[in-house]
């Protein structure tokens, strides 16, 4: 159930961010759902591999390189989801930062209700 709630809120965040951010476009709400699902899968399967191979850069930058990895995952998502467009790296970076903040906020709120 918690996974479905996370997917729902991620979809909502993607829709809201696409509405307010000039460099992010989404064709329809179904595309936002696909973005949420693909980003979740990329975070589960691809991100750990990338983090492992870039561990020296991550340690050297005190973890800030993880922001770059998140932006690259957003850009990678544009290749898998038709109808999701990101103008460039900076837009992907801002998108991933705001999305991560929103997801953390929802996670914190849902954990505090228990």
PDB file of N, CA and C in Angstrom:
ATOM      1  N   UNK A   1       0.816  -1.198   0.000  1.00  0.00           N
ATOM      2  CA  UNK A   1       0.000   0.000   0.000  1.00  0.00           C
ATOM      3  C   UNK A   1       0.857   1.258   0.000  1.00  0.00           C
ATOM      4  N   UNK A   2       1.955   1.214   0.768  1.00  0.00           N
ATOM      5  CA  UNK A   2       2.834   2.379   0.843  1.00  0.00           C
ATOM      6  C   UNK A   2       3.458   2.673  -0.521  1.00  0.00           C
ATOM      7  N   UNK A   3       3.771   1.618  -1.271  1.00  0.00           N
ATOM      8  CA  UNK A   3       4.345   1.802  -2.602  1.00  0.00           C
ATOM      9  C   UNK A   3       3.360   2.502  -3.532  1.00  0.00           C
ATOM     10  N   UNK A   4       2.094   2.121  -3.465  1.00  0.00           N
ATOM     11  CA  UNK A   4       1.083   2.772  -4.300  1.00  0.00           C
ATOM     12  C   UNK A   4       0.917   4.249  -3.932  1.00  0.00           C
ATOM     13  N   UNK A   5       0.985   4.542  -2.651  1.00  0.00           N
ATOM     14  CA  UNK A   5       0.891   5.933  -2.212  1.00  0.00           C
ATOM     15  C   UNK A   5       2.078   6.729  -2.729  1.00  0.00           C
ATOM     16  N   UNK A   6       3.271   6.141  -2.645  1.00  0.00           N
ATOM     17  CA  UNK A   6       4.470   6.821  -3.149  1.00  0.00           C
ATOM     18  C   UNK A   6       4.379   7.065  -4.652  1.00  0.00           C
ATOM     19  N   UNK A   7       3.893   6.088  -5.395  1.00  0.00           N
ATOM     20  CA  UNK A   7       3.747   6.252  -6.845  1.00  0.00           C
ATOM     21  C   UNK A   7       2.721   7.341  -7.148  1.00  0.00           C
ATOM     22  N   UNK A   8       1.622   7.343  -6.402  1.00  0.00           N
ATOM     23  CA  UNK A   8       0.596   8.377  -6.608  1.00  0.00           C
ATOM     24  C   UNK A   8       1.172   9.777  -6.388  1.00  0.00           C
ATOM     25  N   UNK A   9       1.851   9.982  -5.257  1.00  0.00           N
ATOM     26  CA  UNK A   9       2.384  11.307  -4.965  1.00  0.00           C
ATOM     27  C   UNK A   9       3.517  11.699  -5.918  1.00  0.00           C
ATOM     28  N   UNK A  10       4.310  10.737  -6.336  1.00  0.00           N
ATOM     29  CA  UNK A  10       5.343  11.032  -7.322  1.00  0.00           C
ATOM     30  C   UNK A  10       4.708  11.470  -8.632  1.00  0.00           C
ATOM     31  N   UNK A  11       3.630  10.821  -9.024  1.00  0.00           N
ATOM     32  CA  UNK A  11       2.908  11.215 -10.236  1.00  0.00           C
ATOM     33  C   UNK A  11       2.375  12.634 -10.109  1.00  0.00           C
ATOM     34  N   UNK A  12       1.805  12.946  -8.964  1.00  0.00           N
ATOM     35  CA  UNK A  12       1.290  14.302  -8.730  1.00  0.00           C
ATOM     36  C   UNK A  12       2.430  15.319  -8.775  1.00  0.00           C
ATOM     37  N   UNK A  13       3.541  15.005  -8.137  1.00  0.00           N
ATOM     38  CA  UNK A  13       4.691  15.917  -8.151  1.00  0.00           C
ATOM     39  C   UNK A  13       5.204  16.130  -9.568  1.00  0.00           C
ATOM     40  N   UNK A  14       5.269  15.059 -10.351  1.00  0.00           N
ATOM     41  CA  UNK A  14       5.735  15.183 -11.734  1.00  0.00           C
ATOM     42  C   UNK A  14       4.804  16.095 -12.521  1.00  0.00           C
ATOM     43  N   UNK A  15       3.503  15.926 -12.337  1.00  0.00           N
ATOM     44  CA  UNK A  15       2.538  16.793 -13.028  1.00  0.00           C
ATOM     45  C   UNK A  15       2.690  18.251 -12.613  1.00  0.00           C
ATOM     46  N   UNK A  16       2.827  18.485 -11.331  1.00  0.00           N
ATOM     47  CA  UNK A  16       2.960  19.862 -10.829  1.00  0.00           C
ATOM     48  C   UNK A  16       4.265  20.489 -11.314  1.00  0.00           C
ATOM     49  N   UNK A  17       5.343  19.743 -11.239  1.00  0.00           N
ATOM     50  CA  UNK A  17       6.630  20.275 -11.697  1.00  0.00           C
ATOM     51  C   UNK A  17       6.615  20.560 -13.186  1.00  0.00           C
ATOM     52  N   UNK A  18       5.981  19.697 -13.950  1.00  0.00           N
ATOM     53  CA  UNK A  18       5.900  19.933 -15.397  1.00  0.00           C
ATOM     54  C   UNK A  18       5.071  21.179 -15.690  1.00  0.00           C
ATOM     55  N   UNK A  19       4.091  21.452 -14.861  1.00  0.00           N
ATOM     56  CA  UNK A  19       3.260  22.641 -15.058  1.00  0.00           C
ATOM     57  C   UNK A  19       4.042  23.925 -14.745  1.00  0.00           C
ATOM     58  N   UNK A  20       4.843  23.891 -13.673  1.00  0.00           N
ATOM     59  CA  UNK A  20       5.533  25.100 -13.237  1.00  0.00           C
ATOM     60  C   UNK A  20       6.917  25.293 -13.844  1.00  0.00           C
ATOM     61  N   UNK A  21       7.576  24.211 -14.235  1.00  0.00           N
ATOM     62  CA  UNK A  21       8.922  24.332 -14.787  1.00  0.00           C
ATOM     63  C   UNK A  21       8.854  24.437 -16.304  1.00  0.00           C
ATOM     64  N   UNK A  22       9.527  25.432 -16.823  1.00  0.00           N
ATOM     65  CA  UNK A  22       9.497  25.694 -18.258  1.00  0.00           C
ATOM     66  C   UNK A  22      10.198  24.613 -19.078  1.00  0.00           C
ATOM     67  N   UNK A  23      11.228  24.005 -18.529  1.00  0.00           N
ATOM     68  CA  UNK A  23      12.022  23.043 -19.286  1.00  0.00           C
ATOM     69  C   UNK A  23      11.527  21.616 -19.224  1.00  0.00           C
ATOM     70  N   UNK A  24      10.444  21.364 -18.505  1.00  0.00           N
ATOM     71  CA  UNK A  24       9.896  20.015 -18.360  1.00  0.00           C
ATOM     72  C   UNK A  24       8.521  19.998 -19.005  1.00  0.00           C
ATOM     73  N   UNK A  25       8.302  19.055 -19.917  1.00  0.00           N
ATOM     74  CA  UNK A  25       6.978  18.925 -20.528  1.00  0.00           C
ATOM     75  C   UNK A  25       6.518  17.463 -20.464  1.00  0.00           C
ATOM     76  N   UNK A  26       5.222  17.328 -20.231  1.00  0.00           N
ATOM     77  CA  UNK A  26       4.582  16.021 -20.172  1.00  0.00           C
ATOM     78  C   UNK A  26       3.328  16.099 -21.020  1.00  0.00           C
ATOM     79  N   UNK A  27       3.121  15.106 -21.870  1.00  0.00           N
ATOM     80  CA  UNK A  27       1.990  15.124 -22.786  1.00  0.00           C
ATOM     81  C   UNK A  27       0.646  14.948 -22.093  1.00  0.00           C
ATOM     82  N   UNK A  28       0.571  14.032 -21.110  1.00  0.00           N
ATOM     83  CA  UNK A  28      -0.704  13.779 -20.435  1.00  0.00           C
ATOM     84  C   UNK A  28      -0.449  13.151 -19.066  1.00  0.00           C
ATOM     85  N   UNK A  29      -1.485  13.046 -18.234  1.00  0.00           N
ATOM     86  CA  UNK A  29      -1.298  12.457 -16.898  1.00  0.00           C
ATOM     87  C   UNK A  29      -0.818  11.003 -16.919  1.00  0.00           C
ATOM     88  N   UNK A  30      -1.194  10.253 -17.933  1.00  0.00           N
ATOM     89  CA  UNK A  30      -0.710   8.871 -18.024  1.00  0.00           C
ATOM     90  C   UNK A  30       0.807   8.837 -18.201  1.00  0.00           C
ATOM     91  N   UNK A  31       1.335   9.830 -18.907  1.00  0.00           N
ATOM     92  CA  UNK A  31       2.783   9.930 -19.068  1.00  0.00           C
ATOM     93  C   UNK A  31       3.441  10.212 -17.727  1.00  0.00           C
ATOM     94  N   UNK A  32       2.814  11.041 -16.900  1.00  0.00           N
ATOM     95  CA  UNK A  32       3.362  11.326 -15.567  1.00  0.00           C
ATOM     96  C   UNK A  32       3.418  10.056 -14.723  1.00  0.00           C
ATOM     97  N   UNK A  33       2.396   9.213 -14.849  1.00  0.00           N
ATOM     98  CA  UNK A  33       2.410   7.936 -14.136  1.00  0.00           C
ATOM     99  C   UNK A  33       3.551   7.058 -14.632  1.00  0.00           C
ATOM    100  N   UNK A  34       3.763   7.023 -15.933  1.00  0.00           N
ATOM    101  CA  UNK A  34       4.875   6.240 -16.489  1.00  0.00           C
ATOM    102  C   UNK A  34       6.218   6.787 -16.016  1.00  0.00           C
ATOM    103  N   UNK A  35       6.346   8.112 -15.937  1.00  0.00           N
ATOM    104  CA  UNK A  35       7.583   8.725 -15.434  1.00  0.00           C
ATOM    105  C   UNK A  35       7.823   8.290 -13.992  1.00  0.00           C
ATOM    106  N   UNK A  36       6.784   8.315 -13.176  1.00  0.00           N
ATOM    107  CA  UNK A  36       6.926   7.895 -11.778  1.00  0.00           C
ATOM    108  C   UNK A  36       7.375   6.443 -11.681  1.00  0.00           C
ATOM    109  N   UNK A  37       6.780   5.578 -12.489  1.00  0.00           N
ATOM    110  CA  UNK A  37       7.143   4.160 -12.458  1.00  0.00           C
ATOM    111  C   UNK A  37       8.565   3.924 -12.966  1.00  0.00           C
ATOM    112  N   UNK A  38       8.918   4.570 -14.074  1.00  0.00           N
ATOM    113  CA  UNK A  38      10.256   4.372 -14.645  1.00  0.00           C
ATOM    114  C   UNK A  38      11.333   4.954 -13.728  1.00  0.00           C
ATOM    115  N   UNK A  39      11.077   6.119 -13.147  1.00  0.00           N
ATOM    116  CA  UNK A  39      12.057   6.685 -12.204  1.00  0.00           C
ATOM    117  C   UNK A  39      12.237   5.767 -10.998  1.00  0.00           C
ATOM    118  N   UNK A  40      11.142   5.185 -10.532  1.00  0.00           N
ATOM    119  CA  UNK A  40      11.244   4.238  -9.427  1.00  0.00           C
ATOM    120  C   UNK A  40      12.088   3.022  -9.789  1.00  0.00           C
ATOM    121  N   UNK A  41      11.856   2.487 -10.976  1.00  0.00           N
ATOM    122  CA  UNK A  41      12.642   1.327 -11.423  1.00  0.00           C
ATOM    123  C   UNK A  41      14.108   1.680 -11.638  1.00  0.00           C
ATOM    124  N   UNK A  42      14.360   2.857 -12.208  1.00  0.00           N
ATOM    125  CA  UNK A  42      15.749   3.292 -12.400  1.00  0.00           C
ATOM    126  C   UNK A  42      16.452   3.472 -11.054  1.00  0.00           C
ATOM    127  N   UNK A  43      15.738   4.006 -10.075  1.00  0.00           N
ATOM    128  CA  UNK A  43      16.328   4.185  -8.744  1.00  0.00           C
ATOM    129  C   UNK A  43      16.607   2.857  -8.059  1.00  0.00           C
ATOM    130  N   UNK A  44      15.796   1.841  -8.360  1.00  0.00           N
ATOM    131  CA  UNK A  44      15.995   0.531  -7.740  1.00  0.00           C
ATOM    132  C   UNK A  44      17.127  -0.246  -8.411  1.00  0.00           C
ATOM    133  N   UNK A  45      17.147  -0.252  -9.751  1.00  0.00           N
ATOM    134  CA  UNK A  45      18.058  -1.142 -10.458  1.00  0.00           C
ATOM    135  C   UNK A  45      19.311  -0.472 -11.009  1.00  0.00           C
ATOM    136  N   UNK A  46      19.219   0.751 -11.487  1.00  0.00           N
ATOM    137  CA  UNK A  46      20.357   1.392 -12.157  1.00  0.00           C
ATOM    138  C   UNK A  46      21.181   2.251 -11.200  1.00  0.00           C
ATOM    139  N   UNK A  47      20.507   2.989 -10.333  1.00  0.00           N
ATOM    140  CA  UNK A  47      21.222   3.918  -9.463  1.00  0.00           C
ATOM    141  C   UNK A  47      22.279   3.239  -8.581  1.00  0.00           C
ATOM    142  N   UNK A  48      21.996   2.091  -7.956  1.00  0.00           N
ATOM    143  CA  UNK A  48      23.053   1.467  -7.140  1.00  0.00           C
ATOM    144  C   UNK A  48      24.307   1.118  -7.932  1.00  0.00           C
ATOM    145  N   UNK A  49      24.138   0.697  -9.172  1.00  0.00           N
ATOM    146  CA  UNK A  49      25.295   0.354 -10.006  1.00  0.00           C
ATOM    147  C   UNK A  49      26.112   1.615 -10.315  1.00  0.00           C
ATOM    148  N   UNK A  50      25.415   2.689 -10.678  1.00  0.00           N
ATOM    149  CA  UNK A  50      26.109   3.944 -10.986  1.00  0.00           C
ATOM    150  C   UNK A  50      26.802   4.491  -9.741  1.00  0.00           C
ATOM    151  N   UNK A  51      26.121   4.427  -8.604  1.00  0.00           N
ATOM    152  CA  UNK A  51      26.722   4.922  -7.354  1.00  0.00           C
ATOM    153  C   UNK A  51      27.968   4.113  -7.015  1.00  0.00           C
ATOM    154  N   UNK A  52      27.916   2.804  -7.224  1.00  0.00           N
ATOM    155  CA  UNK A  52      29.081   1.961  -6.934  1.00  0.00           C
ATOM    156  C   UNK A  52      30.281   2.362  -7.788  1.00  0.00           C
ATOM    157  N   UNK A  53      30.059   2.563  -9.082  1.00  0.00           N
ATOM    158  CA  UNK A  53      31.178   2.878  -9.965  1.00  0.00           C
ATOM    159  C   UNK A  53      31.666   4.317  -9.827  1.00  0.00           C
ATOM    160  N   UNK A  54      30.849   5.183  -9.289  1.00  0.00           N
ATOM    161  CA  UNK A  54      31.268   6.582  -9.108  1.00  0.00           C
ATOM    162  C   UNK A  54      31.533   6.905  -7.644  1.00  0.00           C
ATOM    163  N   UNK A  55      31.748   5.893  -6.837  1.00  0.00           N
ATOM    164  CA  UNK A  55      31.966   6.103  -5.410  1.00  0.00           C
ATOM    165  C   UNK A  55      33.126   7.051  -5.100  1.00  0.00           C
ATOM    166  N   UNK A  56      34.256   6.961  -5.795  1.00  0.00           N
ATOM    167  CA  UNK A  56      35.336   7.918  -5.498  1.00  0.00           C
ATOM    168  C   UNK A  56      34.908   9.375  -5.737  1.00  0.00           C
ATOM    169  N   UNK A  57      34.194   9.625  -6.819  1.00  0.00           N
ATOM    170  CA  UNK A  57      33.728  10.995  -7.088  1.00  0.00           C
ATOM    171  C   UNK A  57      32.718  11.440  -6.048  1.00  0.00           C
ATOM    172  N   UNK A  58      31.877  10.523  -5.608  1.00  0.00           N
ATOM    173  CA  UNK A  58      30.877  10.853  -4.592  1.00  0.00           C
ATOM    174  C   UNK A  58      31.546  11.179  -3.262  1.00  0.00           C
ATOM    175  N   UNK A  59      32.538  10.402  -2.886  1.00  0.00           N
ATOM    176  CA  UNK A  59      33.256  10.665  -1.634  1.00  0.00           C
ATOM    177  C   UNK A  59      34.030  11.973  -1.738  1.00  0.00           C
ATOM    178  N   UNK A  60      34.691  12.194  -2.861  1.00  0.00           N
ATOM    179  CA  UNK A  60      35.492  13.401  -3.051  1.00  0.00           C
ATOM    180  C   UNK A  60      34.636  14.666  -2.991  1.00  0.00           C
ATOM    181  N   UNK A  61      33.395  14.588  -3.472  1.00  0.00           N
ATOM    182  CA  UNK A  61      32.516  15.764  -3.475  1.00  0.00           C
ATOM    183  C   UNK A  61      31.576  15.780  -2.269  1.00  0.00           C
ATOM    184  N   UNK A  62      31.854  14.932  -1.281  1.00  0.00           N
ATOM    185  CA  UNK A  62      31.042  14.845  -0.062  1.00  0.00           C
ATOM    186  C   UNK A  62      29.583  14.543  -0.368  1.00  0.00           C
ATOM    187  N   UNK A  63      29.326  13.713  -1.356  1.00  0.00           N
ATOM    188  CA  UNK A  63      27.987  13.270  -1.692  1.00  0.00           C
ATOM    189  C   UNK A  63      27.255  14.128  -2.709  1.00  0.00           C
ATOM    190  N   UNK A  64      27.819  15.263  -3.078  1.00  0.00           N
ATOM    191  CA  UNK A  64      27.135  16.133  -4.027  1.00  0.00           C
ATOM    192  C   UNK A  64      27.035  15.522  -5.421  1.00  0.00           C
ATOM    193  N   UNK A  65      27.899  14.575  -5.736  1.00  0.00           N
ATOM    194  CA  UNK A  65      27.833  13.924  -7.036  1.00  0.00           C
ATOM    195  C   UNK A  65      26.548  13.107  -7.188  1.00  0.00           C
ATOM    196  N   UNK A  66      25.918  12.751  -6.062  1.00  0.00           N
ATOM    197  CA  UNK A  66      24.643  12.048  -6.127  1.00  0.00           C
ATOM    198  C   UNK A  66      23.573  12.905  -6.796  1.00  0.00           C
ATOM    199  N   UNK A  67      23.681  14.220  -6.680  1.00  0.00           N
ATOM    200  CA  UNK A  67      22.753  15.115  -7.376  1.00  0.00           C
ATOM    201  C   UNK A  67      22.910  14.973  -8.882  1.00  0.00           C
ATOM    202  N   UNK A  68      24.129  14.845  -9.330  1.00  0.00           N
ATOM    203  CA  UNK A  68      24.402  14.651 -10.756  1.00  0.00           C
ATOM    204  C   UNK A  68      23.825  13.310 -11.215  1.00  0.00           C
ATOM    205  N   UNK A  69      23.991  12.290 -10.391  1.00  0.00           N
ATOM    206  CA  UNK A  69      23.457  10.970 -10.736  1.00  0.00           C
ATOM    207  C   UNK A  69      21.938  11.030 -10.849  1.00  0.00           C
ATOM    208  N   UNK A  70      21.279  11.716  -9.920  1.00  0.00           N
ATOM    209  CA  UNK A  70      19.817  11.845  -9.987  1.00  0.00           C
ATOM    210  C   UNK A  70      19.389  12.576 -11.251  1.00  0.00           C
ATOM    211  N   UNK A  71      20.106  13.623 -11.621  1.00  0.00           N
ATOM    212  CA  UNK A  71      19.780  14.355 -12.850  1.00  0.00           C
ATOM    213  C   UNK A  71      19.973  13.462 -14.072  1.00  0.00           C
ATOM    214  N   UNK A  72      21.016  12.664 -14.072  1.00  0.00           N
ATOM    215  CA  UNK A  72      21.240  11.741 -15.192  1.00  0.00           C
ATOM    216  C   UNK A  72      20.139  10.687 -15.285  1.00  0.00           C
ATOM    217  N   UNK A  73      19.620  10.250 -14.138  1.00  0.00           N
ATOM    218  CA  UNK A  73      18.512   9.296 -14.159  1.00  0.00           C
ATOM    219  C   UNK A  73      17.248   9.931 -14.736  1.00  0.00           C
ATOM    220  N   UNK A  74      17.028  11.211 -14.445  1.00  0.00           N
ATOM    221  CA  UNK A  74      15.877  11.908 -15.032  1.00  0.00           C
ATOM    222  C   UNK A  74      16.054  12.009 -16.542  1.00  0.00           C
ATOM    223  N   UNK A  75      17.251  12.345 -16.983  1.00  0.00           N
ATOM    224  CA  UNK A  75      17.519  12.407 -18.421  1.00  0.00           C
ATOM    225  C   UNK A  75      17.381  11.029 -19.069  1.00  0.00           C
ATOM    226  N   UNK A  76      17.791   9.997 -18.361  1.00  0.00           N
ATOM    227  CA  UNK A  76      17.654   8.635 -18.872  1.00  0.00           C
ATOM    228  C   UNK A  76      16.171   8.274 -19.002  1.00  0.00           C
ATOM    229  N   UNK A  77      15.373   8.772 -18.087  1.00  0.00           N
ATOM    230  CA  UNK A  77      13.932   8.498 -18.122  1.00  0.00           C
ATOM    231  C   UNK A  77      13.290   9.068 -19.384  1.00  0.00           C
ATOM    232  N   UNK A  78      13.828  10.159 -19.906  1.00  0.00           N
ATOM    233  CA  UNK A  78      13.264  10.741 -21.125  1.00  0.00           C
ATOM    234  C   UNK A  78      13.415   9.800 -22.323  1.00  0.00           C
ATOM    235  N   UNK A  79      14.417   8.930 -22.290  1.00  0.00           N
ATOM    236  CA  UNK A  79      14.594   7.973 -23.383  1.00  0.00           C
ATOM    237  C   UNK A  79      13.600   6.820 -23.308  1.00  0.00           C
ATOM    238  N   UNK A  80      13.150   6.496 -22.112  1.00  0.00           N
ATOM    239  CA  UNK A  80      12.247   5.367 -21.934  1.00  0.00           C
ATOM    240  C   UNK A  80      10.773   5.747 -22.001  1.00  0.00           C
ATOM    241  N   UNK A  81      10.452   6.997 -21.678  1.00  0.00           N
ATOM    242  CA  UNK A  81       9.048   7.418 -21.625  1.00  0.00           C
ATOM    243  C   UNK A  81       8.795   8.424 -22.744  1.00  0.00           C
ATOM    244  N   UNK A  82       8.006   8.024 -23.693  1.00  0.00           N
ATOM    245  CA  UNK A  82       7.622   8.934 -24.775  1.00  0.00           C
ATOM    246  C   UNK A  82       6.620   9.942 -24.215  1.00  0.00           C
ATOM    247  N   UNK A  83       6.810  11.192 -24.562  1.00  0.00           N
ATOM    248  CA  UNK A  83       5.924  12.238 -24.064  1.00  0.00           C
ATOM    249  C   UNK A  83       6.475  12.969 -22.865  1.00  0.00           C
ATOM    250  N   UNK A  84       7.646  12.572 -22.378  1.00  0.00           N
ATOM    251  CA  UNK A  84       8.327  13.247 -21.267  1.00  0.00           C
ATOM    252  C   UNK A  84       9.580  13.887 -21.825  1.00  0.00           C
ATOM    253  N   UNK A  85       9.661  15.211 -21.735  1.00  0.00           N
ATOM    254  CA  UNK A  85      10.770  15.940 -22.332  1.00  0.00           C
ATOM    255  C   UNK A  85      11.421  16.852 -21.296  1.00  0.00           C
ATOM    256  N   UNK A  86      12.743  16.811 -21.262  1.00  0.00           N
ATOM    257  CA  UNK A  86      13.523  17.677 -20.385  1.00  0.00           C
ATOM    258  C   UNK A  86      14.473  18.464 -21.263  1.00  0.00           C
ATOM    259  N   UNK A  87      14.473  19.784 -21.099  1.00  0.00           N
ATOM    260  CA  UNK A  87      15.250  20.653 -21.975  1.00  0.00           C
ATOM    261  C   UNK A  87      16.759  20.458 -21.830  1.00  0.00           C
ATOM    262  N   UNK A  88      17.245  20.254 -20.628  1.00  0.00           N
ATOM    263  CA  UNK A  88      18.685  20.121 -20.459  1.00  0.00           C
ATOM    264  C   UNK A  88      19.048  19.617 -19.074  1.00  0.00           C
ATOM    265  N   UNK A  89      20.350  19.582 -18.815  1.00  0.00           N
ATOM    266  CA  UNK A  89      20.859  19.028 -17.565  1.00  0.00           C
ATOM    267  C   UNK A  89      20.425  19.846 -16.362  1.00  0.00           C
ATOM    268  N   UNK A  90      20.478  21.169 -16.461  1.00  0.00           N
ATOM    269  CA  UNK A  90      20.116  22.025 -15.330  1.00  0.00           C
ATOM    270  C   UNK A  90      18.642  21.823 -14.964  1.00  0.00           C
ATOM    271  N   UNK A  91      17.781  21.718 -15.974  1.00  0.00           N
ATOM    272  CA  UNK A  91      16.368  21.457 -15.710  1.00  0.00           C
ATOM    273  C   UNK A  91      16.169  20.088 -15.056  1.00  0.00           C
ATOM    274  N   UNK A  92      16.921  19.104 -15.507  1.00  0.00           N
ATOM    275  CA  UNK A  92      16.848  17.768 -14.897  1.00  0.00           C
ATOM    276  C   UNK A  92      17.333  17.811 -13.453  1.00  0.00           C
ATOM    277  N   UNK A  93      18.370  18.591 -13.193  1.00  0.00           N
ATOM    278  CA  UNK A  93      18.897  18.719 -11.841  1.00  0.00           C
ATOM    279  C   UNK A  93      17.872  19.375 -10.915  1.00  0.00           C
ATOM    280  N   UNK A  94      17.280  20.474 -11.355  1.00  0.00           N
ATOM    281  CA  UNK A  94      16.257  21.143 -10.548  1.00  0.00           C
ATOM    282  C   UNK A  94      15.035  20.246 -10.348  1.00  0.00           C
ATOM    283  N   UNK A  95      14.616  19.579 -11.403  1.00  0.00           N
ATOM    284  CA  UNK A  95      13.487  18.651 -11.329  1.00  0.00           C
ATOM    285  C   UNK A  95      13.756  17.568 -10.292  1.00  0.00           C
ATOM    286  N   UNK A  96      14.940  16.956 -10.340  1.00  0.00           N
ATOM    287  CA  UNK A  96      15.250  15.871  -9.410  1.00  0.00           C
ATOM    288  C   UNK A  96      15.370  16.378  -7.978  1.00  0.00           C
ATOM    289  N   UNK A  97      15.901  17.582  -7.791  1.00  0.00           N
ATOM    290  CA  UNK A  97      16.012  18.150  -6.442  1.00  0.00           C
ATOM    291  C   UNK A  97      14.633  18.388  -5.833  1.00  0.00           C
ATOM    292  N   UNK A  98      13.760  19.029  -6.583  1.00  0.00           N
ATOM    293  CA  UNK A  98      12.429  19.349  -6.066  1.00  0.00           C
ATOM    294  C   UNK A  98      11.612  18.071  -5.875  1.00  0.00           C
ATOM    295  N   UNK A  99      11.719  17.150  -6.816  1.00  0.00           N
ATOM    296  CA  UNK A  99      10.998  15.883  -6.701  1.00  0.00           C
ATOM    297  C   UNK A  99      11.474  15.102  -5.480  1.00  0.00           C
ATOM    298  N   UNK A 100      12.764  15.047  -5.257  1.00  0.00           N
ATOM    299  CA  UNK A 100      13.308  14.335  -4.093  1.00  0.00           C
ATOM    300  C   UNK A 100      12.852  14.981  -2.791  1.00  0.00           C
ATOM    301  N   UNK A 101      12.831  16.304  -2.764  1.00  0.00           N
ATOM    302  CA  UNK A 101      12.365  17.006  -1.571  1.00  0.00           C
ATOM    303  C   UNK A 101      10.897  16.683  -1.304  1.00  0.00           C
ATOM    304  N   UNK A 102      10.075  16.713  -2.332  1.00  0.00           N
ATOM    305  CA  UNK A 102       8.654  16.391  -2.178  1.00  0.00           C
ATOM    306  C   UNK A 102       8.433  14.965  -1.717  1.00  0.00           C
ATOM    307  N   UNK A 103       9.184  14.037  -2.285  1.00  0.00           N
ATOM    308  CA  UNK A 103       9.056  12.636  -1.898  1.00  0.00           C
ATOM    309  C   UNK A 103       9.493  12.434  -0.444  1.00  0.00           C
ATOM    310  N   UNK A 104      10.558  13.111  -0.046  1.00  0.00           N
ATOM    311  CA  UNK A 104      11.019  12.999   1.338  1.00  0.00           C
ATOM    312  C   UNK A 104       9.988  13.579   2.301  1.00  0.00           C
ATOM    313  N   UNK A 105       9.355  14.669   1.906  1.00  0.00           N
ATOM    314  CA  UNK A 105       8.333  15.294   2.743  1.00  0.00           C
ATOM    315  C   UNK A 105       7.133  14.359   2.918  1.00  0.00           C
ATOM    316  N   UNK A 106       6.671  13.766   1.851  1.00  0.00           N
ATOM    317  CA  UNK A 106       5.540  12.828   1.925  1.00  0.00           C
ATOM    318  C   UNK A 106       5.923  11.602   2.755  1.00  0.00           C
ATOM    319  N   UNK A 107       7.134  11.110   2.571  1.00  0.00           N
ATOM    320  CA  UNK A 107       7.591   9.962   3.340  1.00  0.00           C
ATOM    321  C   UNK A 107       7.635  10.292   4.834  1.00  0.00           C
ATOM    322  N   UNK A 108       8.117  11.469   5.145  1.00  0.00           N
ATOM    323  CA  UNK A 108       8.189  11.905   6.551  1.00  0.00           C
ATOM    324  C   UNK A 108       6.797  12.048   7.134  1.00  0.00           C
ATOM    325  N   UNK A 109       5.880  12.628   6.385  1.00  0.00           N
ATOM    326  CA  UNK A 109       4.507  12.811   6.867  1.00  0.00           C
ATOM    327  C   UNK A 109       3.788  11.476   7.047  1.00  0.00           C
ATOM    328  N   UNK A 110       4.010  10.546   6.136  1.00  0.00           N
ATOM    329  CA  UNK A 110       3.339   9.242   6.249  1.00  0.00           C
ATOM    330  C   UNK A 110       3.928   8.409   7.380  1.00  0.00           C
ATOM    331  N   UNK A 111       5.211   8.577   7.672  1.00  0.00           N
ATOM    332  CA  UNK A 111       5.829   7.850   8.787  1.00  0.00           C
ATOM    333  C   UNK A 111       5.419   8.442  10.134  1.00  0.00           C
ATOM    334  N   UNK A 112       5.152   9.743  10.194  1.00  0.00           N
ATOM    335  CA  UNK A 112       4.812  10.370  11.464  1.00  0.00           C
ATOM    336  C   UNK A 112       3.384  10.035  11.905  1.00  0.00           C
ATOM    337  N   UNK A 113       2.546   9.549  10.991  1.00  0.00           N
ATOM    338  CA  UNK A 113       1.169   9.202  11.346  1.00  0.00           C
ATOM    339  C   UNK A 113       1.072   7.871  12.080  1.00  0.00           C
ATOM    340  N   UNK A 114       2.122   7.098  12.092  1.00  0.00           N
ATOM    341  CA  UNK A 114       2.103   5.771  12.742  1.00  0.00           C
ATOM    342  C   UNK A 114       2.379   5.891  14.210  1.00  0.00           C
TER     343      UNK A 114
END
